[in-house]
């Protein structure tokens, strides 16, 4: 039995948890964030940031998410999975999303079409994974590339998100539907031109994704690829990532204006304080417009409110 250990950030671990939706185990070890079992590997992610892969397929499974410190892989191209040779130079529609782990704000999904001829220009403009860029840089790049790259933006506002979540829809299904809709709109925009491929930044397994969108008008499965860390594989996903983050930042500014104070991103203690402040200022009934109600932050904020009212 092989063992591989990766050290990852909590945001990466949360993304992994979404990816293994449907394979999560109810019983998890103490101190863990989640445990999941695939056909060839047992995956356990811990709050410390360590992720343990066990089983005959552990090395292949771990390679989706990074390189093990103890073992240097032969080639760091494993996350590219089944992508064809030279894929990074193809004309591709890429899609990515932002906001899934943030308590405040919407989920924004963008699909963007990058022609092979435009790849050198986008590189020159500094297009890369939005997580490596601050908000000012994202805004500057997005304002330029939005007139170069055909794209479609889907924004799932908090009110609708909370309605869907309350009805029993998982966040993974919401994201799949949004990705599917965004890609379809880009295909319409560039028609009759067809991309050489479609690359989706992977958040669930491929079979789960298509199960989620089976009742929607569905993108043809031919030449559709899924990969984790897709922003580093093709600039179409990196461009989508930047445009999605740009839209998210703009929406956050509107929320801050509506709240009357600057709202923080993320899901840490600072958002608990902000939500408590919002409740005290405007009442709990406004929360559905601002936050994802099922997050644990809602109860934490209410606890703070009750303490401050005493």
Protein backbone atom coordinates (compact mmCIF):
# COMPACT_ATOMS: atom_id res chain seq x y z
CA UNK A 1 0.00 0.00 0.00
CA UNK A 2 1.47 3.36 -1.02
CA UNK A 3 1.29 6.48 1.10
CA UNK A 4 1.61 10.09 -0.09
CA UNK A 5 1.32 13.20 2.07
CA UNK A 6 0.68 16.69 0.67
CA UNK A 7 0.69 20.00 2.52
CA UNK A 8 -2.13 22.18 1.17
CA UNK A 9 -3.94 25.39 2.07
CA UNK A 10 -7.43 25.23 3.60
CA UNK A 11 -8.92 26.70 0.41
CA UNK A 12 -7.37 23.84 -1.59
CA UNK A 13 -8.67 21.32 0.96
CA UNK A 14 -12.19 22.76 0.67
CA UNK A 15 -11.93 22.49 -3.10
CA UNK A 16 -10.88 18.86 -2.71
CA UNK A 17 -13.89 18.21 -0.49
CA UNK A 18 -16.20 19.54 -3.22
CA UNK A 19 -14.38 17.48 -5.84
CA UNK A 20 -14.91 14.23 -3.91
CA UNK A 21 -18.60 14.94 -3.35
CA UNK A 22 -20.39 11.62 -3.51
CA UNK A 23 -17.35 9.71 -2.23
CA UNK A 24 -17.16 11.35 1.20
CA UNK A 25 -17.25 9.09 4.27
CA UNK A 26 -19.55 9.84 7.18
CA UNK A 27 -17.03 8.66 9.76
CA UNK A 28 -13.86 10.76 9.81
CA UNK A 29 -10.75 10.63 12.03
CA UNK A 30 -10.29 13.23 14.82
CA UNK A 31 -8.83 16.51 13.58
CA UNK A 32 -9.83 15.85 9.98
CA UNK A 33 -11.75 18.06 7.57
CA UNK A 34 -13.02 15.15 5.47
CA UNK A 35 -12.30 11.59 4.41
CA UNK A 36 -13.12 10.12 1.02
CA UNK A 37 -12.66 6.77 -0.71
CA UNK A 38 -12.09 6.27 -4.43
CA UNK A 39 -11.53 2.97 -6.26
CA UNK A 40 -7.79 3.11 -5.66
CA UNK A 41 -7.19 5.50 -2.81
CA UNK A 42 -8.29 6.56 0.65
CA UNK A 43 -7.97 10.34 1.14
CA UNK A 44 -7.95 12.03 4.53
CA UNK A 45 -7.52 15.80 4.88
CA UNK A 46 -6.57 17.29 8.24
CA UNK A 47 -7.06 20.75 9.73
CA UNK A 48 -3.26 21.05 9.93
CA UNK A 49 -3.18 21.22 6.11
CA UNK A 50 -1.80 17.71 5.65
CA UNK A 51 -3.63 15.43 3.23
CA UNK A 52 -2.91 11.70 3.38
CA UNK A 53 -3.42 9.45 0.34
CA UNK A 54 -3.35 5.69 0.96
CA UNK A 55 -3.75 2.78 -1.43
CA UNK A 56 -2.52 1.44 -4.74
CA UNK A 57 -3.70 4.56 -6.58
CA UNK A 58 -2.42 7.05 -4.00
CA UNK A 59 0.35 8.55 -6.14
CA UNK A 60 -1.91 9.10 -9.14
CA UNK A 61 -4.67 10.55 -6.95
CA UNK A 62 -2.28 12.82 -5.05
CA UNK A 63 -0.78 14.10 -8.31
CA UNK A 64 -4.11 15.82 -9.06
CA UNK A 65 -3.42 18.21 -6.20
CA UNK A 66 0.32 18.75 -6.02
CA UNK A 67 3.74 17.26 -5.49
CA UNK A 68 4.66 15.29 -2.38
CA UNK A 69 7.53 16.78 -0.42
CA UNK A 70 9.06 13.36 0.23
CA UNK A 71 8.96 12.21 -3.38
CA UNK A 72 9.77 14.19 -6.47
CA UNK A 73 7.51 13.02 -9.28
CA UNK A 74 8.97 12.24 -12.65
CA UNK A 75 7.12 15.14 -14.24
CA UNK A 76 4.87 17.83 -12.76
CA UNK A 77 2.39 17.42 -15.59
CA UNK A 78 0.24 14.86 -13.78
CA UNK A 79 -2.62 17.34 -13.09
CA UNK A 80 -3.09 17.57 -16.87
CA UNK A 81 -4.54 14.08 -16.76
CA UNK A 82 -5.76 12.97 -20.20
CA UNK A 83 -5.15 16.26 -22.00
CA UNK A 84 -3.62 15.93 -25.46
CA UNK A 85 -0.09 16.95 -26.33
CA UNK A 86 0.19 20.67 -27.07
CA UNK A 87 -3.17 21.42 -25.44
CA UNK A 88 -1.95 24.71 -23.92
CA UNK A 89 -1.58 26.14 -27.43
CA UNK A 90 -5.06 25.20 -28.65
CA UNK A 91 -8.04 27.52 -29.10
CA UNK A 92 -10.07 26.67 -26.00
CA UNK A 93 -13.12 27.70 -23.96
CA UNK A 94 -12.18 27.60 -20.28
CA UNK A 95 -14.43 28.05 -17.25
CA UNK A 96 -13.82 28.84 -13.60
CA UNK A 97 -15.75 30.11 -10.58
CA UNK A 98 -15.21 32.41 -7.62
CA UNK A 99 -17.04 32.93 -4.33
CA UNK A 100 -17.96 29.38 -3.34
CA UNK A 101 -16.04 29.56 -0.07
CA UNK A 102 -16.97 33.15 0.82
CA UNK A 103 -19.72 33.75 3.39
CA UNK A 104 -20.62 37.12 1.90
CA UNK A 105 -21.24 37.64 -1.79
CA UNK A 106 -22.41 35.63 -4.79
CA UNK A 107 -20.91 32.80 -6.80
CA UNK A 108 -19.58 34.13 -10.10
CA UNK A 109 -18.77 31.77 -12.96
CA UNK A 110 -17.12 32.79 -16.22
CA UNK A 111 -16.47 30.87 -19.41
CA UNK A 112 -13.98 32.50 -21.78
CA UNK A 113 -12.78 31.66 -25.28
CA UNK A 114 -9.09 32.15 -25.98
CA UNK A 115 -7.90 31.72 -29.54
CA UNK A 116 -4.42 30.30 -30.05
CA UNK A 117 -3.46 33.55 -31.82
CA UNK A 118 -4.25 35.58 -28.69
CA UNK A 119 -2.23 33.47 -26.25
CA UNK A 120 1.02 35.50 -26.65
CA UNK A 121 -0.89 38.76 -26.09
CA UNK A 122 -2.63 37.47 -22.97
CA UNK A 123 0.70 36.30 -21.58
CA UNK A 124 2.11 39.76 -22.25
CA UNK A 125 -0.85 41.30 -20.39
CA UNK A 126 -0.03 39.20 -17.35
CA UNK A 127 -2.92 36.73 -17.50
CA UNK A 128 -2.44 33.92 -14.99
CA UNK A 129 -4.34 32.32 -12.11
CA UNK A 130 -6.33 35.05 -10.31
CA UNK A 131 -5.30 33.60 -6.92
CA UNK A 132 -1.78 34.86 -7.68
CA UNK A 133 -3.00 38.43 -8.27
CA UNK A 134 -4.28 41.12 -5.92
CA UNK A 135 -7.59 42.87 -6.59
CA UNK A 136 -5.99 45.95 -8.16
CA UNK A 137 -4.04 43.84 -10.65
CA UNK A 138 -7.12 41.72 -11.45
CA UNK A 139 -9.18 44.85 -12.17
CA UNK A 140 -6.47 46.28 -14.42
CA UNK A 141 -6.07 43.07 -16.45
CA UNK A 142 -9.82 42.35 -16.62
CA UNK A 143 -10.60 45.82 -18.01
CA UNK A 144 -8.28 45.07 -20.93
CA UNK A 145 -9.04 41.43 -21.69
CA UNK A 146 -12.84 41.80 -21.50
CA UNK A 147 -12.64 43.49 -24.91
CA UNK A 148 -10.30 40.84 -26.34
CA UNK A 149 -11.76 37.58 -25.04
CA UNK A 150 -15.35 36.49 -25.77
CA UNK A 151 -16.81 35.48 -22.41
CA UNK A 152 -20.01 34.90 -20.47
CA UNK A 153 -20.58 35.75 -16.81
CA UNK A 154 -23.11 33.96 -14.61
CA UNK A 155 -23.81 35.46 -11.18
CA UNK A 156 -25.73 33.46 -8.58
CA UNK A 157 -26.90 36.08 -6.10
CA UNK A 158 -27.31 35.25 -2.44
CA UNK A 159 -31.11 35.31 -2.41
CA UNK A 160 -31.32 32.69 -5.19
CA UNK A 161 -28.42 30.69 -3.76
CA UNK A 162 -30.19 30.42 -0.39
CA UNK A 163 -33.46 29.38 -2.04
CA UNK A 164 -31.73 26.63 -4.03
CA UNK A 165 -29.72 25.44 -1.03
CA UNK A 166 -32.83 25.32 1.15
CA UNK A 167 -34.61 23.25 -1.53
CA UNK A 168 -31.86 20.63 -1.23
CA UNK A 169 -29.60 21.52 -4.15
CA UNK A 170 -25.91 21.04 -3.39
CA UNK A 171 -23.38 23.76 -4.10
CA UNK A 172 -21.68 21.36 -6.52
CA UNK A 173 -24.84 21.08 -8.61
CA UNK A 174 -25.31 24.86 -8.61
CA UNK A 175 -21.76 25.31 -9.89
CA UNK A 176 -22.17 22.64 -12.57
CA UNK A 177 -25.33 24.31 -13.91
CA UNK A 178 -23.64 27.73 -13.92
CA UNK A 179 -20.56 26.39 -15.75
CA UNK A 180 -22.76 24.65 -18.29
CA UNK A 181 -24.84 27.79 -18.93
CA UNK A 182 -21.76 30.02 -19.26
CA UNK A 183 -20.11 27.65 -21.74
CA UNK A 184 -23.28 27.42 -23.84
CA UNK A 185 -23.51 31.22 -24.02
CA UNK A 186 -19.89 31.51 -25.19
CA UNK A 187 -20.48 28.83 -27.82
CA UNK A 188 -23.42 30.94 -29.07
CA UNK A 189 -21.30 34.09 -29.12
CA UNK A 190 -18.50 32.60 -31.20
CA UNK A 191 -20.73 30.51 -33.53
CA UNK A 192 -20.13 29.29 -36.21
CA UNK A 193 -16.55 29.08 -34.92
CA UNK A 194 -15.99 26.05 -32.71
CA UNK A 195 -13.27 25.74 -30.07
CA UNK A 196 -10.77 22.91 -30.33
CA UNK A 197 -11.68 21.95 -26.77
CA UNK A 198 -13.48 22.99 -23.60
CA UNK A 199 -11.61 22.89 -20.28
CA UNK A 200 -13.47 23.08 -16.97
CA UNK A 201 -11.60 23.77 -13.74
CA UNK A 202 -12.58 20.57 -11.98
CA UNK A 203 -14.60 20.80 -8.76
CA UNK A 204 -16.38 17.42 -8.94
CA UNK A 205 -15.70 14.22 -10.81
CA UNK A 206 -16.66 14.26 -14.49
CA UNK A 207 -19.49 11.75 -14.07
CA UNK A 208 -20.96 13.79 -11.20
CA UNK A 209 -20.77 16.97 -13.27
CA UNK A 210 -22.77 15.48 -16.14
CA UNK A 211 -25.23 13.97 -13.67
CA UNK A 212 -25.79 17.47 -12.24
CA UNK A 213 -26.60 18.98 -15.67
CA UNK A 214 -28.56 16.07 -17.15
CA UNK A 215 -31.84 18.00 -17.06
CA UNK A 216 -30.30 21.11 -18.61
CA UNK A 217 -29.48 21.89 -22.21
CA UNK A 218 -26.10 20.22 -22.12
CA UNK A 219 -22.79 20.98 -23.80
CA UNK A 220 -21.79 18.14 -26.13
CA UNK A 221 -19.30 15.93 -24.32
CA UNK A 222 -16.90 15.67 -27.25
CA UNK A 223 -13.58 17.42 -26.53
CA UNK A 224 -14.71 18.48 -23.04
CA UNK A 225 -11.92 18.08 -20.48
CA UNK A 226 -11.78 18.44 -16.72
CA UNK A 227 -8.68 19.17 -14.67
CA UNK A 228 -7.80 20.49 -11.25
CA UNK A 229 -5.45 23.50 -11.29
CA UNK A 230 -6.66 24.19 -14.83
CA UNK A 231 -5.60 27.86 -14.57
CA UNK A 232 -2.02 26.66 -15.00
CA UNK A 233 -2.86 24.44 -17.97
CA UNK A 234 -4.55 26.86 -20.37
CA UNK A 235 -4.88 30.65 -20.40
CA UNK A 236 -8.60 30.31 -21.20
CA UNK A 237 -9.22 29.14 -17.64
CA UNK A 238 -6.83 31.75 -16.24
CA UNK A 239 -8.69 34.48 -18.17
CA UNK A 240 -12.03 33.11 -16.92
CA UNK A 241 -10.63 33.11 -13.38
CA UNK A 242 -9.62 36.78 -13.65
CA UNK A 243 -12.94 37.87 -15.16
CA UNK A 244 -14.89 35.93 -12.52
CA UNK A 245 -12.84 37.52 -9.74
CA UNK A 246 -13.30 40.96 -11.28
CA UNK A 247 -17.08 40.51 -11.29
CA UNK A 248 -16.95 39.20 -7.73
CA UNK A 249 -14.94 42.22 -6.53
CA UNK A 250 -17.38 44.61 -8.22
CA UNK A 251 -20.34 42.88 -6.60
CA UNK A 252 -18.59 42.98 -3.22
CA UNK A 253 -18.20 46.74 -3.56
CA UNK A 254 -21.95 47.03 -4.12
CA UNK A 255 -22.65 44.90 -1.05
CA UNK A 256 -20.34 47.10 1.01
CA UNK A 257 -22.17 50.22 -0.21
CA UNK A 258 -25.49 48.61 0.71
CA UNK A 259 -24.23 47.57 4.13
CA UNK A 260 -22.71 50.97 4.84
CA UNK A 261 -19.28 49.52 5.70
CA UNK A 262 -16.56 47.46 4.02
CA UNK A 263 -17.42 43.77 3.97
CA UNK A 264 -14.53 41.29 4.25
CA UNK A 265 -14.04 38.26 2.01
CA UNK A 266 -13.57 34.68 3.14
CA UNK A 267 -15.22 32.74 5.94
CA UNK A 268 -13.04 33.54 8.97
CA UNK A 269 -13.79 35.31 12.23
CA UNK A 270 -13.70 38.72 10.53
CA UNK A 271 -16.84 37.87 8.55
CA UNK A 272 -18.60 36.78 11.75
CA UNK A 273 -17.96 40.25 13.15
CA UNK A 274 -19.13 41.91 9.92
CA UNK A 275 -22.33 39.85 9.83
CA UNK A 276 -23.04 40.68 13.48
CA UNK A 277 -22.53 44.36 12.68
CA UNK A 278 -24.91 44.06 9.72
CA UNK A 279 -27.58 42.34 11.85
CA UNK A 280 -27.35 44.98 14.57
CA UNK A 281 -27.53 47.75 11.97
CA UNK A 282 -30.22 46.43 9.59
CA UNK A 283 -31.80 43.38 11.23
CA UNK A 284 -31.40 39.64 10.66
CA UNK A 285 -33.97 39.70 7.85
CA UNK A 286 -31.44 41.32 5.47
CA UNK A 287 -28.94 38.44 5.78
CA UNK A 288 -30.29 36.38 2.81
CA UNK A 289 -29.34 39.25 0.49
CA UNK A 290 -25.76 39.30 1.74
CA UNK A 291 -24.63 35.83 2.84
CA UNK A 292 -24.82 32.08 2.27
CA UNK A 293 -27.07 31.26 5.18
CA UNK A 294 -26.09 27.61 5.64
CA UNK A 295 -22.48 28.51 6.47
CA UNK A 296 -21.59 28.09 10.15
CA UNK A 297 -20.76 31.82 10.18
CA UNK A 298 -24.49 32.62 10.47
CA UNK A 299 -24.79 31.05 13.91
CA UNK A 300 -21.44 32.50 14.99
CA UNK A 301 -22.66 35.96 14.00
CA UNK A 302 -25.89 35.49 15.94
CA UNK A 303 -23.90 34.44 19.00
CA UNK A 304 -21.90 37.68 18.74
CA UNK A 305 -25.12 39.68 18.35
CA UNK A 306 -26.62 38.12 21.47
CA UNK A 307 -23.46 38.88 23.45
CA UNK A 308 -23.47 42.50 22.34
CA UNK A 309 -27.15 42.90 23.24
CA UNK A 310 -26.59 41.82 26.83
